[in-house]
């Protein structure tokens, strides 16, 4: 099976030894996204809601670079430094996704890169 690297300037560039996404067959693995603004590589200004929205926007950009969209995500992992933010994740997620929703996990973590409050990664399956 051939692997294809997914890359876009519409999402933050990789800041380590990883790709923004990797397509293997019809499955696309989207790397963890934190709330970085792609143009500046700085954290988005604003509150936790702004961070969550930026993460979904970043995931969408990588999904679209792979010729998919958020609707093609089958598994979403959410990492939060404060699990009390999970209610807010649900509220914002309802604006980005429609049923059937992806399978999902939420994990409380001690810290995330660059002091982010949220990080998400995903698995997407395309219908090609």
N, C-alpha and C. Protein backbone atom coordinates (compact mmCIF):
# COMPACT_ATOMS: atom_id res chain seq x y z
N UNK A 1 0.84 -1.17 0.00
CA UNK A 1 0.00 0.00 0.00
C UNK A 1 0.89 1.24 0.00
N UNK A 2 0.50 2.21 -0.79
CA UNK A 2 1.24 3.45 -0.89
C UNK A 2 0.70 4.47 0.10
N UNK A 3 1.59 5.17 0.75
CA UNK A 3 1.21 6.26 1.64
C UNK A 3 1.47 7.58 0.93
N UNK A 4 0.53 8.52 1.08
CA UNK A 4 0.68 9.85 0.51
C UNK A 4 0.62 10.87 1.64
N UNK A 5 1.57 11.77 1.65
CA UNK A 5 1.59 12.84 2.65
C UNK A 5 0.60 13.92 2.24
N UNK A 6 -0.18 14.38 3.20
CA UNK A 6 -1.13 15.47 3.00
C UNK A 6 -0.52 16.72 3.60
N UNK A 7 -0.50 17.79 2.82
CA UNK A 7 0.11 19.03 3.29
C UNK A 7 -0.66 20.22 2.72
N UNK A 8 -0.84 21.25 3.54
CA UNK A 8 -1.51 22.47 3.12
C UNK A 8 -0.98 23.65 3.91
N UNK A 9 -0.93 24.80 3.26
CA UNK A 9 -0.55 26.02 3.98
C UNK A 9 -1.76 26.66 4.66
N UNK A 10 -2.92 26.02 4.55
CA UNK A 10 -4.14 26.51 5.21
C UNK A 10 -4.25 26.02 6.65
N UNK A 11 -3.32 25.18 7.06
CA UNK A 11 -3.24 24.67 8.44
C UNK A 11 -1.81 24.88 8.91
N UNK A 12 -1.60 24.88 10.23
CA UNK A 12 -0.24 25.07 10.73
C UNK A 12 0.70 24.01 10.18
N UNK A 13 1.90 24.43 9.79
CA UNK A 13 2.88 23.47 9.29
C UNK A 13 3.35 22.57 10.44
N UNK A 14 3.81 21.43 10.09
CA UNK A 14 4.32 20.49 11.09
C UNK A 14 5.50 21.12 11.82
N UNK A 15 5.49 21.02 13.13
CA UNK A 15 6.58 21.60 13.93
C UNK A 15 7.44 20.51 14.56
N UNK A 16 7.46 19.38 13.91
CA UNK A 16 8.26 18.26 14.40
C UNK A 16 8.37 17.22 13.30
N UNK A 17 8.70 16.02 13.70
CA UNK A 17 8.91 14.94 12.74
C UNK A 17 7.60 14.21 12.47
N UNK A 18 6.67 14.91 11.83
CA UNK A 18 5.38 14.33 11.46
C UNK A 18 4.83 15.08 10.26
N UNK A 19 3.78 14.52 9.67
CA UNK A 19 3.08 15.14 8.56
C UNK A 19 1.74 15.66 9.05
N UNK A 20 1.19 16.67 8.37
CA UNK A 20 -0.15 17.16 8.74
C UNK A 20 -1.18 16.04 8.61
N UNK A 21 -0.98 15.20 7.62
CA UNK A 21 -1.86 14.06 7.41
C UNK A 21 -1.17 13.04 6.53
N UNK A 22 -1.65 11.82 6.60
CA UNK A 22 -1.13 10.74 5.76
C UNK A 22 -2.32 9.94 5.26
N UNK A 23 -2.35 9.74 3.94
CA UNK A 23 -3.40 8.93 3.31
C UNK A 23 -2.83 7.57 3.00
N UNK A 24 -3.52 6.53 3.45
CA UNK A 24 -3.16 5.14 3.17
C UNK A 24 -4.43 4.46 2.68
N UNK A 25 -4.48 4.13 1.40
CA UNK A 25 -5.72 3.62 0.83
C UNK A 25 -6.76 4.74 0.85
N UNK A 26 -7.92 4.45 1.36
CA UNK A 26 -8.99 5.45 1.45
C UNK A 26 -9.05 6.09 2.84
N UNK A 27 -8.11 5.74 3.70
CA UNK A 27 -8.08 6.25 5.06
C UNK A 27 -7.06 7.37 5.17
N UNK A 28 -7.46 8.46 5.81
CA UNK A 28 -6.55 9.58 6.04
C UNK A 28 -6.42 9.79 7.54
N UNK A 29 -5.20 9.83 8.00
CA UNK A 29 -4.90 10.06 9.40
C UNK A 29 -4.48 11.52 9.55
N UNK A 30 -5.26 12.29 10.31
CA UNK A 30 -4.99 13.71 10.50
C UNK A 30 -4.23 13.88 11.81
N UNK A 31 -3.05 14.48 11.73
CA UNK A 31 -2.24 14.69 12.93
C UNK A 31 -2.93 15.65 13.89
N UNK A 32 -2.50 15.59 15.13
CA UNK A 32 -3.04 16.47 16.15
C UNK A 32 -2.89 17.94 15.77
N UNK A 33 -3.95 18.68 15.96
CA UNK A 33 -3.95 20.11 15.70
C UNK A 33 -4.19 20.85 17.01
N UNK A 34 -3.38 21.85 17.23
CA UNK A 34 -3.61 22.77 18.34
C UNK A 34 -4.05 24.11 17.74
N UNK A 35 -4.48 25.07 18.54
CA UNK A 35 -5.05 26.30 17.99
C UNK A 35 -4.02 27.31 17.49
N UNK A 36 -3.19 26.87 16.55
CA UNK A 36 -2.23 27.78 15.92
C UNK A 36 -2.86 28.40 14.69
N UNK A 37 -2.58 29.67 14.48
CA UNK A 37 -3.00 30.37 13.27
C UNK A 37 -1.97 30.03 12.20
N UNK A 38 -2.39 29.45 11.06
CA UNK A 38 -1.42 29.00 10.06
C UNK A 38 -0.46 30.08 9.57
N UNK A 39 -0.95 31.28 9.36
CA UNK A 39 -0.12 32.34 8.80
C UNK A 39 0.99 32.81 9.74
N UNK A 40 0.73 32.76 11.05
CA UNK A 40 1.69 33.28 12.02
C UNK A 40 2.36 32.19 12.85
N UNK A 41 1.75 31.00 12.88
CA UNK A 41 2.21 29.90 13.74
C UNK A 41 2.18 30.30 15.21
N UNK A 42 1.33 31.26 15.56
CA UNK A 42 1.10 31.68 16.94
C UNK A 42 -0.27 31.18 17.39
N UNK A 43 -0.44 31.06 18.71
CA UNK A 43 -1.72 30.65 19.26
C UNK A 43 -2.79 31.69 18.89
N UNK A 44 -3.99 31.22 18.60
CA UNK A 44 -5.10 32.11 18.29
C UNK A 44 -5.40 32.99 19.50
N UNK A 45 -5.75 34.23 19.25
CA UNK A 45 -6.15 35.12 20.34
C UNK A 45 -7.56 34.75 20.78
N UNK A 46 -7.84 34.95 22.05
CA UNK A 46 -9.20 34.71 22.52
C UNK A 46 -9.28 33.65 23.60
N UNK A 47 -10.51 33.28 23.86
CA UNK A 47 -10.81 32.35 24.95
C UNK A 47 -10.77 30.90 24.49
N UNK A 48 -11.25 30.01 25.35
CA UNK A 48 -11.23 28.58 25.04
C UNK A 48 -12.09 28.27 23.81
N UNK A 49 -13.19 28.96 23.66
CA UNK A 49 -14.04 28.73 22.48
C UNK A 49 -13.27 29.06 21.20
N UNK A 50 -12.53 30.15 21.21
CA UNK A 50 -11.72 30.52 20.04
C UNK A 50 -10.68 29.44 19.74
N UNK A 51 -10.09 28.86 20.79
CA UNK A 51 -9.11 27.78 20.59
C UNK A 51 -9.77 26.56 19.96
N UNK A 52 -10.94 26.19 20.46
CA UNK A 52 -11.64 25.01 19.93
C UNK A 52 -12.00 25.23 18.47
N UNK A 53 -12.52 26.41 18.14
CA UNK A 53 -12.88 26.72 16.75
C UNK A 53 -11.66 26.67 15.83
N UNK A 54 -10.54 27.22 16.30
CA UNK A 54 -9.33 27.21 15.48
C UNK A 54 -8.88 25.78 15.20
N UNK A 55 -8.99 24.90 16.20
CA UNK A 55 -8.60 23.51 16.01
C UNK A 55 -9.49 22.85 14.95
N UNK A 56 -10.80 23.07 15.03
CA UNK A 56 -11.70 22.51 14.01
C UNK A 56 -11.39 23.09 12.64
N UNK A 57 -11.08 24.38 12.57
CA UNK A 57 -10.72 24.99 11.29
C UNK A 57 -9.45 24.37 10.73
N UNK A 58 -8.47 24.12 11.60
CA UNK A 58 -7.22 23.49 11.16
C UNK A 58 -7.45 22.07 10.67
N UNK A 59 -8.26 21.30 11.40
CA UNK A 59 -8.58 19.94 10.96
C UNK A 59 -9.29 19.97 9.62
N UNK A 60 -10.24 20.91 9.45
CA UNK A 60 -10.97 21.02 8.19
C UNK A 60 -10.00 21.30 7.03
N UNK A 61 -9.03 22.17 7.26
CA UNK A 61 -8.08 22.52 6.19
C UNK A 61 -7.29 21.30 5.74
N UNK A 62 -6.84 20.48 6.67
CA UNK A 62 -6.09 19.28 6.31
C UNK A 62 -7.01 18.27 5.63
N UNK A 63 -8.23 18.13 6.15
CA UNK A 63 -9.20 17.22 5.53
C UNK A 63 -9.46 17.63 4.09
N UNK A 64 -9.64 18.92 3.85
CA UNK A 64 -9.90 19.40 2.49
C UNK A 64 -8.69 19.22 1.58
N UNK A 65 -7.50 19.35 2.14
CA UNK A 65 -6.29 19.12 1.35
C UNK A 65 -6.20 17.67 0.88
N UNK A 66 -6.89 16.77 1.60
CA UNK A 66 -6.93 15.35 1.23
C UNK A 66 -8.16 15.02 0.39
N UNK A 67 -8.84 16.08 -0.09
CA UNK A 67 -10.08 15.92 -0.87
C UNK A 67 -11.23 15.35 -0.06
N UNK A 68 -11.26 15.70 1.21
CA UNK A 68 -12.37 15.31 2.08
C UNK A 68 -12.88 16.53 2.82
N UNK A 69 -13.60 16.28 3.88
CA UNK A 69 -14.10 17.36 4.74
C UNK A 69 -14.39 16.76 6.11
N UNK A 70 -14.81 17.61 7.03
CA UNK A 70 -15.09 17.13 8.38
C UNK A 70 -16.14 16.02 8.39
N UNK A 71 -17.06 16.05 7.46
CA UNK A 71 -18.11 15.03 7.40
C UNK A 71 -17.54 13.64 7.13
N UNK A 72 -16.32 13.56 6.62
CA UNK A 72 -15.68 12.27 6.33
C UNK A 72 -14.93 11.69 7.52
N UNK A 73 -14.86 12.45 8.61
CA UNK A 73 -14.16 11.96 9.81
C UNK A 73 -15.00 10.88 10.49
N UNK A 74 -14.35 9.75 10.76
CA UNK A 74 -15.03 8.64 11.43
C UNK A 74 -14.61 8.50 12.88
N UNK A 75 -13.46 9.08 13.25
CA UNK A 75 -12.97 9.00 14.63
C UNK A 75 -12.28 10.30 14.98
N UNK A 76 -12.67 10.88 16.09
CA UNK A 76 -12.10 12.14 16.57
C UNK A 76 -11.61 11.94 17.99
N UNK A 77 -10.36 12.32 18.24
CA UNK A 77 -9.80 12.28 19.59
C UNK A 77 -9.61 13.72 20.06
N UNK A 78 -10.10 14.00 21.26
CA UNK A 78 -10.03 15.34 21.84
C UNK A 78 -9.19 15.26 23.11
N UNK A 79 -8.17 16.11 23.18
CA UNK A 79 -7.30 16.17 24.36
C UNK A 79 -7.50 17.54 24.99
N UNK A 80 -7.85 17.56 26.28
CA UNK A 80 -8.15 18.80 26.98
C UNK A 80 -7.32 18.91 28.25
N UNK A 81 -6.79 20.10 28.52
CA UNK A 81 -6.10 20.31 29.79
C UNK A 81 -7.09 20.52 30.93
N UNK A 82 -8.35 20.79 30.60
CA UNK A 82 -9.41 20.94 31.60
C UNK A 82 -10.66 20.25 31.06
N UNK A 83 -11.01 19.11 31.63
CA UNK A 83 -12.17 18.37 31.13
C UNK A 83 -13.48 19.14 31.31
N UNK A 84 -13.48 20.20 32.10
CA UNK A 84 -14.67 21.05 32.20
C UNK A 84 -14.97 21.73 30.86
N UNK A 85 -13.99 21.79 29.97
CA UNK A 85 -14.20 22.39 28.65
C UNK A 85 -14.93 21.46 27.69
N UNK A 86 -15.22 20.22 28.13
CA UNK A 86 -15.86 19.26 27.25
C UNK A 86 -17.25 19.72 26.82
N UNK A 87 -17.97 20.38 27.69
CA UNK A 87 -19.29 20.92 27.33
C UNK A 87 -19.15 21.92 26.20
N UNK A 88 -18.15 22.77 26.28
CA UNK A 88 -17.90 23.76 25.23
C UNK A 88 -17.49 23.08 23.91
N UNK A 89 -16.70 22.03 24.00
CA UNK A 89 -16.33 21.27 22.80
C UNK A 89 -17.60 20.74 22.13
N UNK A 90 -18.52 20.20 22.90
CA UNK A 90 -19.77 19.69 22.33
C UNK A 90 -20.56 20.79 21.64
N UNK A 91 -20.64 21.95 22.28
CA UNK A 91 -21.41 23.07 21.70
C UNK A 91 -20.80 23.51 20.37
N UNK A 92 -19.50 23.69 20.34
CA UNK A 92 -18.84 24.14 19.12
C UNK A 92 -18.88 23.03 18.06
N UNK A 93 -18.65 21.80 18.47
CA UNK A 93 -18.65 20.69 17.53
C UNK A 93 -19.98 20.58 16.80
N UNK A 94 -21.07 20.88 17.48
CA UNK A 94 -22.40 20.81 16.86
C UNK A 94 -22.54 21.79 15.69
N UNK A 95 -21.70 22.82 15.65
CA UNK A 95 -21.71 23.77 14.54
C UNK A 95 -20.88 23.29 13.36
N UNK A 96 -19.95 22.39 13.60
CA UNK A 96 -19.04 21.90 12.56
C UNK A 96 -19.45 20.54 11.99
N UNK A 97 -20.21 19.76 12.75
CA UNK A 97 -20.56 18.40 12.36
C UNK A 97 -22.07 18.21 12.38
N UNK A 98 -22.52 17.29 11.52
CA UNK A 98 -23.92 16.87 11.52
C UNK A 98 -23.95 15.37 11.70
N UNK A 99 -25.09 14.85 12.11
CA UNK A 99 -25.23 13.40 12.24
C UNK A 99 -25.08 12.74 10.88
N UNK A 100 -24.52 11.57 10.80
CA UNK A 100 -24.00 10.80 11.92
C UNK A 100 -22.64 11.35 12.37
N UNK A 101 -22.52 11.57 13.67
CA UNK A 101 -21.30 12.11 14.24
C UNK A 101 -20.20 11.04 14.25
N UNK A 102 -18.94 11.47 14.24
CA UNK A 102 -17.86 10.48 14.32
C UNK A 102 -17.80 9.85 15.71
N UNK A 103 -17.20 8.68 15.78
CA UNK A 103 -16.85 8.12 17.08
C UNK A 103 -15.86 9.09 17.71
N UNK A 104 -15.83 9.14 19.05
CA UNK A 104 -15.00 10.16 19.68
C UNK A 104 -14.51 9.70 21.05
N UNK A 105 -13.35 10.21 21.40
CA UNK A 105 -12.81 10.03 22.75
C UNK A 105 -12.39 11.39 23.25
N UNK A 106 -12.50 11.60 24.55
CA UNK A 106 -12.02 12.83 25.18
C UNK A 106 -11.10 12.42 26.32
N UNK A 107 -9.92 13.01 26.33
CA UNK A 107 -8.91 12.64 27.31
C UNK A 107 -8.39 13.88 28.01
N UNK A 108 -8.37 13.85 29.32
CA UNK A 108 -7.76 14.93 30.09
C UNK A 108 -6.26 14.72 30.14
N UNK A 109 -5.52 15.79 29.87
CA UNK A 109 -4.06 15.72 29.86
C UNK A 109 -3.49 16.83 30.74
N UNK A 110 -2.26 16.63 31.19
CA UNK A 110 -1.63 17.62 32.06
C UNK A 110 -1.20 18.87 31.30
N UNK A 111 -0.76 18.70 30.07
CA UNK A 111 -0.28 19.84 29.29
C UNK A 111 -0.29 19.48 27.81
N UNK A 112 -0.32 20.52 26.97
CA UNK A 112 -0.26 20.36 25.52
C UNK A 112 0.79 21.31 24.97
N UNK A 113 1.26 21.07 23.74
CA UNK A 113 2.28 21.94 23.16
C UNK A 113 1.85 23.41 23.14
N UNK A 114 2.82 24.28 23.37
CA UNK A 114 2.65 25.74 23.33
C UNK A 114 1.60 26.26 24.30
N UNK A 115 1.28 25.48 25.33
CA UNK A 115 0.31 25.92 26.32
C UNK A 115 -1.13 25.86 25.86
N UNK A 116 -1.40 25.13 24.79
CA UNK A 116 -2.76 25.02 24.28
C UNK A 116 -3.67 24.36 25.31
N UNK A 117 -4.96 24.70 25.24
CA UNK A 117 -5.96 24.08 26.11
C UNK A 117 -6.60 22.87 25.45
N UNK A 118 -6.45 22.77 24.12
CA UNK A 118 -7.10 21.69 23.38
C UNK A 118 -6.24 21.26 22.20
N UNK A 119 -6.28 19.97 21.93
CA UNK A 119 -5.67 19.39 20.73
C UNK A 119 -6.61 18.31 20.24
N UNK A 120 -6.72 18.14 18.94
CA UNK A 120 -7.54 17.09 18.37
C UNK A 120 -6.81 16.44 17.20
N UNK A 121 -7.00 15.12 17.07
CA UNK A 121 -6.56 14.43 15.87
C UNK A 121 -7.75 13.60 15.38
N UNK A 122 -7.64 13.08 14.17
CA UNK A 122 -8.80 12.42 13.59
C UNK A 122 -8.39 11.37 12.57
N UNK A 123 -9.34 10.49 12.27
CA UNK A 123 -9.22 9.53 11.19
C UNK A 123 -10.40 9.77 10.25
N UNK A 124 -10.08 9.86 8.97
CA UNK A 124 -11.08 10.17 7.96
C UNK A 124 -11.06 9.05 6.92
N UNK A 125 -12.23 8.69 6.41
CA UNK A 125 -12.32 7.68 5.34
C UNK A 125 -13.02 8.33 4.16
N UNK A 126 -12.37 8.22 2.99
CA UNK A 126 -12.88 8.82 1.76
C UNK A 126 -13.61 7.79 0.92
N UNK A 127 -14.53 8.25 0.10
CA UNK A 127 -15.36 7.36 -0.72
C UNK A 127 -14.82 7.13 -2.12
N UNK A 128 -13.63 7.59 -2.42
CA UNK A 128 -13.10 7.45 -3.79
C UNK A 128 -13.34 6.07 -4.25
